[in-house]
Amino acid sequence: MQAVLHDVFRHRLIPGFDAEAAGMGTDAIIDELLGLVAVG
């Protein structure tokens, strides 16, 4: 599941201005979400 998660979510997430200004691109946001959610 984690192998395809970036491909699945990448086109569904649109970083806001604050995220972009902080250097948080789509992949970084997905990585952050993965760190917060237990994936089994």
C-alpha atoms as a PDB file:
ATOM      1  CA  MET A   1       0.000   0.000   0.000  1.00  0.00           C
ATOM      2  CA  GLN A   2       2.727   2.476   0.899  1.00  0.00           C
ATOM      3  CA  ALA A   3       4.398   1.762  -2.428  1.00  0.00           C
ATOM      4  CA  VAL A   4       1.497   3.272  -4.378  1.00  0.00           C
ATOM      5  CA  LEU A   5       0.248   5.813  -1.843  1.00  0.00           C
ATOM      6  CA  HIS A   6       2.255   8.706  -3.297  1.00  0.00           C
ATOM      7  CA  ASP A   7       0.989   7.944  -6.801  1.00  0.00           C
ATOM      8  CA  VAL A   8      -2.617   7.745  -5.611  1.00  0.00           C
ATOM      9  CA  PHE A   9      -2.600  10.881  -3.445  1.00  0.00           C
ATOM     10  CA  ARG A  10      -0.236  13.083  -5.463  1.00  0.00           C
ATOM     11  CA  HIS A  11      -2.879  14.275  -7.918  1.00  0.00           C
ATOM     12  CA  ARG A  12      -5.558  14.638  -5.202  1.00  0.00           C
ATOM     13  CA  LEU A  13      -3.680  16.987  -2.867  1.00  0.00           C
ATOM     14  CA  ILE A  14      -3.179  20.650  -3.638  1.00  0.00           C
ATOM     15  CA  PRO A  15      -0.825  22.366  -1.188  1.00  0.00           C
ATOM     16  CA  GLY A  16      -1.996  25.775  -0.041  1.00  0.00           C
ATOM     17  CA  PHE A  17       0.081  28.932  -0.149  1.00  0.00           C
ATOM     18  CA  ASP A  18       1.382  28.492   3.415  1.00  0.00           C
ATOM     19  CA  ALA A  19       2.526  24.940   2.701  1.00  0.00           C
ATOM     20  CA  GLU A  20       4.281  25.962  -0.502  1.00  0.00           C
ATOM     21  CA  ALA A  21       5.937  28.928   1.244  1.00  0.00           C
ATOM     22  CA  ALA A  22       7.210  26.565   3.945  1.00  0.00           C
ATOM     23  CA  GLY A  23       8.686  24.271   1.289  1.00  0.00           C
ATOM     24  CA  MET A  24       6.080  21.574   1.845  1.00  0.00           C
ATOM     25  CA  GLY A  25       5.294  20.092  -1.534  1.00  0.00           C
ATOM     26  CA  THR A  26       2.783  17.351  -2.177  1.00  0.00           C
ATOM     27  CA  ASP A  27       5.240  14.528  -1.487  1.00  0.00           C
ATOM     28  CA  ALA A  28       6.311  16.091   1.808  1.00  0.00           C
ATOM     29  CA  ILE A  29       2.686  16.379   2.904  1.00  0.00           C
ATOM     30  CA  ILE A  30       2.060  12.724   2.043  1.00  0.00           C
ATOM     31  CA  ASP A  31       5.179  11.739   4.003  1.00  0.00           C
ATOM     32  CA  GLU A  32       3.876  13.736   6.978  1.00  0.00           C
ATOM     33  CA  LEU A  33       0.516  11.982   6.777  1.00  0.00           C
ATOM     34  CA  LEU A  34       2.218   8.597   6.645  1.00  0.00           C
ATOM     35  CA  GLY A  35       4.065   9.491   9.831  1.00  0.00           C
ATOM     36  CA  LEU A  36       0.814  10.339  11.604  1.00  0.00           C
ATOM     37  CA  VAL A  37      -1.319   7.391  10.522  1.00  0.00           C
ATOM     38  CA  ALA A  38      -0.643   3.760  11.367  1.00  0.00           C
ATOM     39  CA  VAL A  39      -0.446   1.784   8.147  1.00  0.00           C
ATOM     40  CA  GLY A  40      -0.986  -1.920   8.554  1.00  0.00           C
END
